[in-house]
């Protein structure tokens, strides 16, 4: 204690007390789960879009258009799950809004695929050009020669 400084009588001073140790924050496992769900939704969205819309149409699209649509779909799916977890009722306003966002993004993905389907290049090259086929019935003597 320093001279001239008095301590109040109700506060006890310990000569060698250590400062209190702050407790480490608990790990937030839910953030890891949301990240995993986001990556899973991106992969599933790409696979389903390829199967339903056709890989040919996806190949014609620029990469940034596909990435933006898949990002919006995955973001909406994760936010929908978060809203379901945070709200006491399943059909409250937040989960319904995010479900509508999922449907809206899916509709936009359909419209993009339809646009590229309607504007795909026309293939004028026929593989069987120059090849003629004729179907004629063989004569009777030719049939006997084939049999014997």
N, C-alpha and C. Protein backbone atom coordinates (compact mmCIF):
# COMPACT_ATOMS: atom_id res chain seq x y z
N UNK A 1 0.84 -1.16 0.00
CA UNK A 1 0.00 0.00 0.00
C UNK A 1 0.89 1.23 0.00
N UNK A 2 0.46 2.21 -0.70
CA UNK A 2 1.21 3.45 -0.75
C UNK A 2 0.84 4.32 0.45
N UNK A 3 1.78 5.08 0.95
CA UNK A 3 1.45 5.96 2.08
C UNK A 3 0.53 7.07 1.63
N UNK A 4 -0.41 7.40 2.41
CA UNK A 4 -1.35 8.48 2.15
C UNK A 4 -2.62 8.03 1.46
N UNK A 5 -2.68 6.76 0.99
CA UNK A 5 -3.90 6.27 0.36
C UNK A 5 -4.53 5.29 1.31
N UNK A 6 -5.73 5.60 1.66
CA UNK A 6 -6.44 4.73 2.60
C UNK A 6 -7.41 3.86 1.81
N UNK A 7 -7.55 2.65 2.25
CA UNK A 7 -8.52 1.76 1.63
C UNK A 7 -9.79 1.79 2.43
N UNK A 8 -10.91 1.74 1.75
CA UNK A 8 -12.17 1.70 2.50
C UNK A 8 -12.22 0.45 3.36
N UNK A 9 -12.91 0.53 4.49
CA UNK A 9 -12.92 -0.61 5.41
C UNK A 9 -13.63 -1.84 4.87
N UNK A 10 -14.55 -1.70 3.92
CA UNK A 10 -15.30 -2.88 3.44
C UNK A 10 -14.57 -3.61 2.30
N UNK A 11 -13.48 -3.05 1.77
CA UNK A 11 -12.74 -3.70 0.69
C UNK A 11 -11.48 -4.30 1.28
N UNK A 12 -11.35 -5.59 1.12
CA UNK A 12 -10.16 -6.27 1.60
C UNK A 12 -9.15 -6.33 0.46
N UNK A 13 -7.93 -6.01 0.74
CA UNK A 13 -6.90 -6.01 -0.27
C UNK A 13 -6.00 -7.21 -0.03
N UNK A 14 -5.87 -8.05 -1.07
CA UNK A 14 -4.96 -9.17 -0.99
C UNK A 14 -3.65 -8.73 -1.61
N UNK A 15 -2.57 -9.03 -0.98
CA UNK A 15 -1.30 -8.50 -1.46
C UNK A 15 -0.87 -9.05 -2.82
N UNK A 16 -1.10 -10.31 -3.11
CA UNK A 16 -0.61 -10.90 -4.37
C UNK A 16 -1.75 -11.57 -5.11
N UNK A 17 -2.81 -10.89 -5.42
CA UNK A 17 -3.93 -11.50 -6.13
C UNK A 17 -3.70 -11.38 -7.63
N UNK A 18 -4.03 -12.44 -8.35
CA UNK A 18 -3.87 -12.47 -9.81
C UNK A 18 -5.11 -11.86 -10.44
N UNK A 19 -4.95 -11.26 -11.61
CA UNK A 19 -6.14 -10.72 -12.29
C UNK A 19 -7.07 -11.86 -12.68
N UNK A 20 -8.35 -11.60 -12.75
CA UNK A 20 -9.29 -12.68 -13.12
C UNK A 20 -9.05 -13.14 -14.55
N UNK A 21 -9.18 -14.44 -14.76
CA UNK A 21 -8.96 -15.03 -16.07
C UNK A 21 -10.29 -15.00 -16.82
N UNK A 22 -10.25 -14.43 -18.01
CA UNK A 22 -11.45 -14.38 -18.83
C UNK A 22 -11.71 -15.76 -19.42
N UNK A 23 -12.96 -16.16 -19.36
CA UNK A 23 -13.32 -17.46 -19.91
C UNK A 23 -13.27 -17.39 -21.43
N UNK A 24 -12.77 -18.45 -22.06
CA UNK A 24 -12.71 -18.51 -23.53
C UNK A 24 -14.13 -18.63 -24.07
N UNK A 25 -14.40 -17.93 -25.17
CA UNK A 25 -15.74 -18.03 -25.74
C UNK A 25 -16.01 -19.45 -26.24
N UNK A 26 -17.22 -19.87 -26.08
CA UNK A 26 -17.60 -21.20 -26.54
C UNK A 26 -17.55 -21.24 -28.07
N UNK A 27 -17.12 -22.36 -28.64
CA UNK A 27 -17.06 -22.44 -30.11
C UNK A 27 -18.47 -22.39 -30.70
N UNK A 28 -18.58 -21.73 -31.82
CA UNK A 28 -19.88 -21.60 -32.50
C UNK A 28 -19.96 -22.65 -33.60
N UNK A 29 -20.47 -23.81 -33.25
CA UNK A 29 -20.55 -24.91 -34.21
C UNK A 29 -21.63 -24.65 -35.25
N UNK A 30 -22.59 -23.79 -34.93
CA UNK A 30 -23.65 -23.54 -35.89
C UNK A 30 -23.11 -22.84 -37.14
N UNK A 31 -22.08 -22.00 -37.00
CA UNK A 31 -21.48 -21.36 -38.17
C UNK A 31 -20.85 -22.38 -39.11
N UNK A 32 -20.22 -23.37 -38.54
CA UNK A 32 -19.64 -24.44 -39.35
C UNK A 32 -20.74 -25.22 -40.06
N UNK A 33 -21.83 -25.44 -39.37
CA UNK A 33 -22.95 -26.16 -39.98
C UNK A 33 -23.57 -25.35 -41.12
N UNK A 34 -23.70 -24.03 -40.96
CA UNK A 34 -24.27 -23.21 -42.03
C UNK A 34 -23.35 -23.19 -43.24
N UNK A 35 -22.04 -23.14 -42.98
CA UNK A 35 -21.08 -23.16 -44.08
C UNK A 35 -21.15 -24.49 -44.84
N UNK A 36 -21.23 -25.58 -44.11
CA UNK A 36 -21.33 -26.89 -44.75
C UNK A 36 -22.63 -27.00 -45.54
N UNK A 37 -23.72 -26.47 -44.99
CA UNK A 37 -24.99 -26.51 -45.71
C UNK A 37 -24.92 -25.66 -46.97
N UNK A 38 -24.24 -24.52 -46.90
CA UNK A 38 -24.10 -23.66 -48.07
C UNK A 38 -23.35 -24.39 -49.19
N UNK A 39 -22.23 -25.02 -48.85
CA UNK A 39 -21.47 -25.75 -49.87
C UNK A 39 -22.25 -26.93 -50.43
N UNK A 40 -22.99 -27.61 -49.56
CA UNK A 40 -23.82 -28.72 -50.03
C UNK A 40 -24.94 -28.22 -50.94
N UNK A 41 -25.55 -27.09 -50.59
CA UNK A 41 -26.61 -26.53 -51.43
C UNK A 41 -26.06 -26.09 -52.78
N UNK A 42 -24.84 -25.57 -52.82
CA UNK A 42 -24.22 -25.19 -54.10
C UNK A 42 -24.03 -26.43 -54.98
N UNK A 43 -23.51 -27.50 -54.39
CA UNK A 43 -23.26 -28.72 -55.16
C UNK A 43 -24.56 -29.36 -55.63
N UNK A 44 -25.52 -29.46 -54.73
CA UNK A 44 -26.80 -30.08 -55.09
C UNK A 44 -27.52 -29.23 -56.13
N UNK A 45 -27.48 -27.92 -55.97
CA UNK A 45 -28.11 -27.04 -56.96
C UNK A 45 -27.51 -27.21 -58.34
N UNK A 46 -26.19 -27.33 -58.42
CA UNK A 46 -25.52 -27.51 -59.72
C UNK A 46 -25.89 -28.85 -60.34
N UNK A 47 -25.94 -29.89 -59.53
CA UNK A 47 -26.26 -31.22 -60.06
C UNK A 47 -27.71 -31.28 -60.54
N UNK A 48 -28.62 -30.77 -59.73
CA UNK A 48 -30.04 -30.80 -60.12
C UNK A 48 -30.29 -29.93 -61.34
N UNK A 49 -29.66 -28.76 -61.39
CA UNK A 49 -29.82 -27.87 -62.54
C UNK A 49 -29.30 -28.54 -63.80
N UNK A 50 -28.20 -29.26 -63.70
CA UNK A 50 -27.64 -29.96 -64.85
C UNK A 50 -28.56 -31.08 -65.31
N UNK A 51 -29.14 -31.81 -64.36
CA UNK A 51 -30.00 -32.94 -64.72
C UNK A 51 -31.35 -32.46 -65.27
N UNK A 52 -31.92 -31.45 -64.67
CA UNK A 52 -33.25 -30.99 -65.08
C UNK A 52 -33.17 -30.10 -66.31
N UNK A 53 -32.26 -29.15 -66.30
CA UNK A 53 -32.17 -28.19 -67.40
C UNK A 53 -31.38 -28.69 -68.59
N UNK A 54 -30.51 -29.63 -68.37
CA UNK A 54 -29.70 -30.15 -69.46
C UNK A 54 -28.30 -29.57 -69.43
N UNK A 55 -27.31 -30.42 -69.51
CA UNK A 55 -25.92 -29.97 -69.46
C UNK A 55 -25.55 -29.13 -70.67
N UNK A 56 -26.19 -29.38 -71.81
CA UNK A 56 -25.87 -28.62 -73.01
C UNK A 56 -26.20 -27.14 -72.80
N UNK A 57 -27.35 -26.87 -72.18
CA UNK A 57 -27.73 -25.48 -71.94
C UNK A 57 -26.83 -24.83 -70.90
N UNK A 58 -26.40 -25.58 -69.90
CA UNK A 58 -25.49 -25.03 -68.91
C UNK A 58 -24.13 -24.73 -69.52
N UNK A 59 -23.71 -25.54 -70.49
CA UNK A 59 -22.42 -25.31 -71.14
C UNK A 59 -22.44 -24.03 -71.98
N UNK A 60 -23.59 -23.62 -72.46
CA UNK A 60 -23.68 -22.41 -73.26
C UNK A 60 -23.69 -21.15 -72.40
N UNK A 61 -24.03 -21.27 -71.13
CA UNK A 61 -24.13 -20.10 -70.24
C UNK A 61 -22.75 -19.64 -69.80
N UNK A 62 -22.59 -18.33 -69.57
CA UNK A 62 -21.33 -17.87 -68.99
C UNK A 62 -21.23 -18.31 -67.53
N UNK A 63 -20.01 -18.50 -67.08
CA UNK A 63 -19.78 -19.05 -65.74
C UNK A 63 -20.32 -18.13 -64.65
N UNK A 64 -20.22 -16.82 -64.84
CA UNK A 64 -20.65 -15.90 -63.80
C UNK A 64 -22.16 -15.91 -63.61
N UNK A 65 -22.91 -16.22 -64.66
CA UNK A 65 -24.36 -16.32 -64.55
C UNK A 65 -24.76 -17.55 -63.73
N UNK A 66 -24.08 -18.67 -64.01
CA UNK A 66 -24.33 -19.89 -63.25
C UNK A 66 -23.93 -19.71 -61.79
N UNK A 67 -22.77 -19.08 -61.56
CA UNK A 67 -22.29 -18.88 -60.20
C UNK A 67 -23.24 -17.98 -59.40
N UNK A 68 -23.71 -16.91 -60.02
CA UNK A 68 -24.63 -16.00 -59.33
C UNK A 68 -25.95 -16.69 -58.97
N UNK A 69 -26.48 -17.46 -59.90
CA UNK A 69 -27.74 -18.16 -59.64
C UNK A 69 -27.56 -19.22 -58.55
N UNK A 70 -26.48 -19.98 -58.62
CA UNK A 70 -26.24 -21.01 -57.60
C UNK A 70 -25.95 -20.39 -56.24
N UNK A 71 -25.23 -19.26 -56.22
CA UNK A 71 -24.95 -18.57 -54.96
C UNK A 71 -26.25 -18.08 -54.33
N UNK A 72 -27.13 -17.48 -55.14
CA UNK A 72 -28.41 -17.00 -54.62
C UNK A 72 -29.27 -18.15 -54.11
N UNK A 73 -29.25 -19.28 -54.82
CA UNK A 73 -30.02 -20.44 -54.39
C UNK A 73 -29.50 -20.98 -53.06
N UNK A 74 -28.19 -21.15 -52.96
CA UNK A 74 -27.60 -21.70 -51.73
C UNK A 74 -27.79 -20.73 -50.57
N UNK A 75 -27.62 -19.44 -50.80
CA UNK A 75 -27.80 -18.44 -49.75
C UNK A 75 -29.24 -18.48 -49.24
N UNK A 76 -30.21 -18.55 -50.15
CA UNK A 76 -31.61 -18.61 -49.75
C UNK A 76 -31.91 -19.88 -48.97
N UNK A 77 -31.32 -20.98 -49.37
CA UNK A 77 -31.55 -22.25 -48.66
C UNK A 77 -31.00 -22.20 -47.24
N UNK A 78 -29.81 -21.64 -47.08
CA UNK A 78 -29.22 -21.54 -45.74
C UNK A 78 -30.02 -20.57 -44.88
N UNK A 79 -30.41 -19.44 -45.44
CA UNK A 79 -31.21 -18.48 -44.67
C UNK A 79 -32.57 -19.06 -44.29
N UNK A 80 -33.13 -19.89 -45.15
CA UNK A 80 -34.39 -20.56 -44.83
C UNK A 80 -34.21 -21.49 -43.63
N UNK A 81 -33.12 -22.26 -43.65
CA UNK A 81 -32.85 -23.15 -42.53
C UNK A 81 -32.60 -22.37 -41.25
N UNK A 82 -31.86 -21.26 -41.35
CA UNK A 82 -31.60 -20.44 -40.17
C UNK A 82 -32.90 -19.86 -39.62
N UNK A 83 -33.78 -19.42 -40.50
CA UNK A 83 -35.06 -18.87 -40.06
C UNK A 83 -35.92 -19.94 -39.39
N UNK A 84 -35.86 -21.17 -39.91
CA UNK A 84 -36.61 -22.25 -39.27
C UNK A 84 -36.09 -22.55 -37.88
N UNK A 85 -34.77 -22.49 -37.70
CA UNK A 85 -34.17 -22.79 -36.40
C UNK A 85 -34.46 -21.67 -35.40
N UNK A 86 -34.41 -20.42 -35.85
CA UNK A 86 -34.55 -19.29 -34.94
C UNK A 86 -35.99 -18.97 -34.56
N UNK A 87 -36.94 -19.31 -35.40
CA UNK A 87 -38.34 -18.96 -35.14
C UNK A 87 -39.03 -20.08 -34.37
N UNK A 88 -39.96 -19.73 -33.49
CA UNK A 88 -40.65 -20.78 -32.74
C UNK A 88 -41.62 -21.59 -33.60
N UNK A 89 -42.21 -20.95 -34.59
CA UNK A 89 -43.16 -21.64 -35.47
C UNK A 89 -42.54 -21.82 -36.85
N UNK A 90 -42.89 -22.91 -37.51
CA UNK A 90 -42.31 -23.18 -38.83
C UNK A 90 -42.89 -22.26 -39.90
N UNK A 91 -44.15 -21.87 -39.77
CA UNK A 91 -44.79 -21.07 -40.80
C UNK A 91 -44.92 -19.61 -40.39
N UNK A 92 -43.91 -19.07 -39.75
CA UNK A 92 -43.92 -17.64 -39.45
C UNK A 92 -43.42 -16.89 -40.69
N UNK A 93 -43.35 -15.58 -40.59
CA UNK A 93 -43.09 -14.78 -41.79
C UNK A 93 -41.67 -14.96 -42.35
N UNK A 94 -40.66 -15.06 -41.50
CA UNK A 94 -39.29 -15.17 -42.01
C UNK A 94 -39.03 -16.46 -42.79
N UNK A 95 -39.40 -17.63 -42.27
CA UNK A 95 -39.19 -18.83 -43.08
C UNK A 95 -39.98 -18.82 -44.39
N UNK A 96 -41.19 -18.27 -44.36
CA UNK A 96 -41.99 -18.23 -45.58
C UNK A 96 -41.35 -17.30 -46.61
N UNK A 97 -40.80 -16.18 -46.15
CA UNK A 97 -40.11 -15.26 -47.08
C UNK A 97 -38.91 -15.93 -47.72
N UNK A 98 -38.12 -16.68 -46.94
CA UNK A 98 -36.96 -17.34 -47.52
C UNK A 98 -37.35 -18.51 -48.41
N UNK A 99 -38.47 -19.17 -48.10
CA UNK A 99 -38.95 -20.22 -48.99
C UNK A 99 -39.40 -19.61 -50.32
N UNK A 100 -40.05 -18.45 -50.26
CA UNK A 100 -40.42 -17.76 -51.50
C UNK A 100 -39.18 -17.30 -52.27
N UNK A 101 -38.13 -16.94 -51.55
CA UNK A 101 -36.87 -16.56 -52.22
C UNK A 101 -36.28 -17.76 -52.95
N UNK A 102 -36.34 -18.94 -52.32
CA UNK A 102 -35.85 -20.16 -52.99
C UNK A 102 -36.65 -20.41 -54.26
N UNK A 103 -37.96 -20.29 -54.18
CA UNK A 103 -38.80 -20.51 -55.35
C UNK A 103 -38.56 -19.46 -56.43
N UNK A 104 -38.33 -18.22 -56.02
CA UNK A 104 -38.05 -17.15 -56.98
C UNK A 104 -36.71 -17.39 -57.69
N UNK A 105 -35.70 -17.78 -56.96
CA UNK A 105 -34.40 -18.07 -57.57
C UNK A 105 -34.51 -19.29 -58.48
N UNK A 106 -35.27 -20.29 -58.07
CA UNK A 106 -35.46 -21.47 -58.93
C UNK A 106 -36.18 -21.08 -60.22
N UNK A 107 -37.15 -20.18 -60.12
CA UNK A 107 -37.82 -19.68 -61.32
C UNK A 107 -36.89 -18.90 -62.23
N UNK A 108 -35.98 -18.14 -61.63
CA UNK A 108 -34.99 -17.41 -62.43
C UNK A 108 -34.04 -18.39 -63.12
N UNK A 109 -33.67 -19.46 -62.44
CA UNK A 109 -32.82 -20.47 -63.05
C UNK A 109 -33.54 -21.14 -64.22
N UNK A 110 -34.84 -21.37 -64.06
CA UNK A 110 -35.65 -21.93 -65.15
C UNK A 110 -35.68 -20.97 -66.33
N UNK A 111 -35.88 -19.67 -66.05
CA UNK A 111 -35.95 -18.68 -67.13
C UNK A 111 -34.62 -18.57 -67.87
N UNK A 112 -33.53 -18.62 -67.15
CA UNK A 112 -32.21 -18.56 -67.78
C UNK A 112 -32.01 -19.79 -68.68
N UNK A 113 -32.37 -20.95 -68.17
CA UNK A 113 -32.22 -22.18 -68.97
C UNK A 113 -33.11 -22.13 -70.20
N UNK A 114 -34.33 -21.63 -70.05
CA UNK A 114 -35.25 -21.53 -71.19
C UNK A 114 -34.71 -20.55 -72.23
N UNK A 115 -34.13 -19.44 -71.77
CA UNK A 115 -33.54 -18.48 -72.71
C UNK A 115 -32.44 -19.14 -73.54
N UNK A 116 -31.55 -19.87 -72.88
CA UNK A 116 -30.46 -20.50 -73.62
C UNK A 116 -30.95 -21.68 -74.46
N UNK A 117 -32.06 -22.29 -74.08
CA UNK A 117 -32.65 -23.35 -74.91
C UNK A 117 -33.23 -22.75 -76.19
N UNK A 118 -33.88 -21.60 -76.05
CA UNK A 118 -34.51 -20.97 -77.22
C UNK A 118 -33.47 -20.32 -78.15
N UNK A 119 -32.31 -19.98 -77.63
CA UNK A 119 -31.29 -19.30 -78.42
C UNK A 119 -30.07 -20.17 -78.70
N UNK A 120 -30.24 -21.48 -78.64
CA UNK A 120 -29.10 -22.33 -78.94
C UNK A 120 -28.85 -22.32 -80.45
N UNK A 121 -27.61 -22.44 -80.85
CA UNK A 121 -27.30 -22.37 -82.29
C UNK A 121 -27.90 -23.56 -83.03
N UNK A 122 -28.31 -23.26 -84.26
CA UNK A 122 -28.91 -24.29 -85.10
C UNK A 122 -27.80 -25.04 -85.80
N UNK A 123 -27.86 -26.35 -85.76
CA UNK A 123 -26.86 -27.19 -86.40
C UNK A 123 -27.34 -27.52 -87.80
N UNK A 124 -26.71 -26.91 -88.81
CA UNK A 124 -27.11 -27.13 -90.20
C UNK A 124 -26.41 -28.33 -90.83
N UNK A 125 -25.45 -28.87 -90.16
CA UNK A 125 -24.71 -30.00 -90.70
C UNK A 125 -25.45 -31.29 -90.40
N UNK A 126 -25.94 -31.90 -91.45
CA UNK A 126 -26.55 -33.21 -91.29
C UNK A 126 -25.47 -34.26 -91.51
N UNK A 127 -25.42 -35.21 -90.62
CA UNK A 127 -24.38 -36.23 -90.71
C UNK A 127 -24.57 -37.17 -91.89
N UNK A 128 -25.81 -37.33 -92.35
CA UNK A 128 -26.05 -38.29 -93.41
C UNK A 128 -26.24 -37.62 -94.76
N UNK A 129 -25.62 -36.46 -94.98
CA UNK A 129 -25.67 -35.83 -96.29
C UNK A 129 -24.85 -36.65 -97.27
N UNK A 130 -25.38 -36.82 -98.45
CA UNK A 130 -24.67 -37.58 -99.45
C UNK A 130 -24.90 -39.08 -99.35
N UNK A 131 -25.50 -39.55 -98.30
CA UNK A 131 -25.77 -40.96 -98.15
C UNK A 131 -27.22 -41.19 -98.55
N UNK A 132 -27.41 -42.05 -99.50
CA UNK A 132 -28.77 -42.37 -99.92
C UNK A 132 -29.06 -43.80 -99.55
N UNK A 133 -30.26 -43.99 -99.12
CA UNK A 133 -30.68 -45.34 -98.78
C UNK A 133 -31.96 -45.61 -99.54
N UNK A 134 -32.03 -46.80 -100.09
CA UNK A 134 -33.26 -47.17 -100.76
C UNK A 134 -33.69 -48.53 -100.24
N UNK A 135 -34.94 -48.63 -100.07
CA UNK A 135 -35.50 -49.90 -99.61
C UNK A 135 -36.27 -50.52 -100.78
N UNK A 136 -35.72 -51.57 -101.33
CA UNK A 136 -36.40 -52.29 -102.41
C UNK A 136 -36.55 -53.73 -102.01
N UNK A 137 -37.58 -54.31 -102.55
CA UNK A 137 -37.81 -55.70 -102.27
C UNK A 137 -37.01 -56.54 -103.26
N UNK A 138 -36.24 -57.52 -102.74
CA UNK A 138 -35.45 -58.32 -103.68
C UNK A 138 -36.37 -59.19 -104.54
N UNK A 139 -35.85 -59.49 -105.71
CA UNK A 139 -36.62 -60.35 -106.61
C UNK A 139 -36.61 -61.77 -106.09
N UNK A 140 -37.43 -62.60 -106.61
CA UNK A 140 -37.58 -63.98 -106.12
C UNK A 140 -36.30 -64.79 -106.31
N UNK A 141 -35.64 -64.64 -107.46
CA UNK A 141 -34.42 -65.43 -107.67
C UNK A 141 -33.30 -64.98 -106.73
N UNK A 142 -33.26 -63.68 -106.34
CA UNK A 142 -32.26 -63.22 -105.37
C UNK A 142 -32.54 -63.80 -103.99
N UNK A 143 -33.80 -63.95 -103.64
CA UNK A 143 -34.14 -64.54 -102.34
C UNK A 143 -33.68 -65.99 -102.28
N UNK A 144 -33.86 -66.76 -103.41
CA UNK A 144 -33.43 -68.13 -103.41
C UNK A 144 -31.92 -68.27 -103.32
N UNK A 145 -31.21 -67.31 -103.92
CA UNK A 145 -29.75 -67.34 -103.85
C UNK A 145 -29.28 -67.05 -102.42
N UNK A 146 -29.97 -66.19 -101.68
CA UNK A 146 -29.58 -65.89 -100.30
C UNK A 146 -29.82 -67.07 -99.39
N UNK A 147 -30.84 -67.84 -99.67
CA UNK A 147 -31.17 -68.98 -98.83
C UNK A 147 -30.17 -70.10 -99.05
N UNK A 148 -29.82 -70.37 -100.29
CA UNK A 148 -28.95 -71.49 -100.57
C UNK A 148 -27.50 -71.18 -100.54
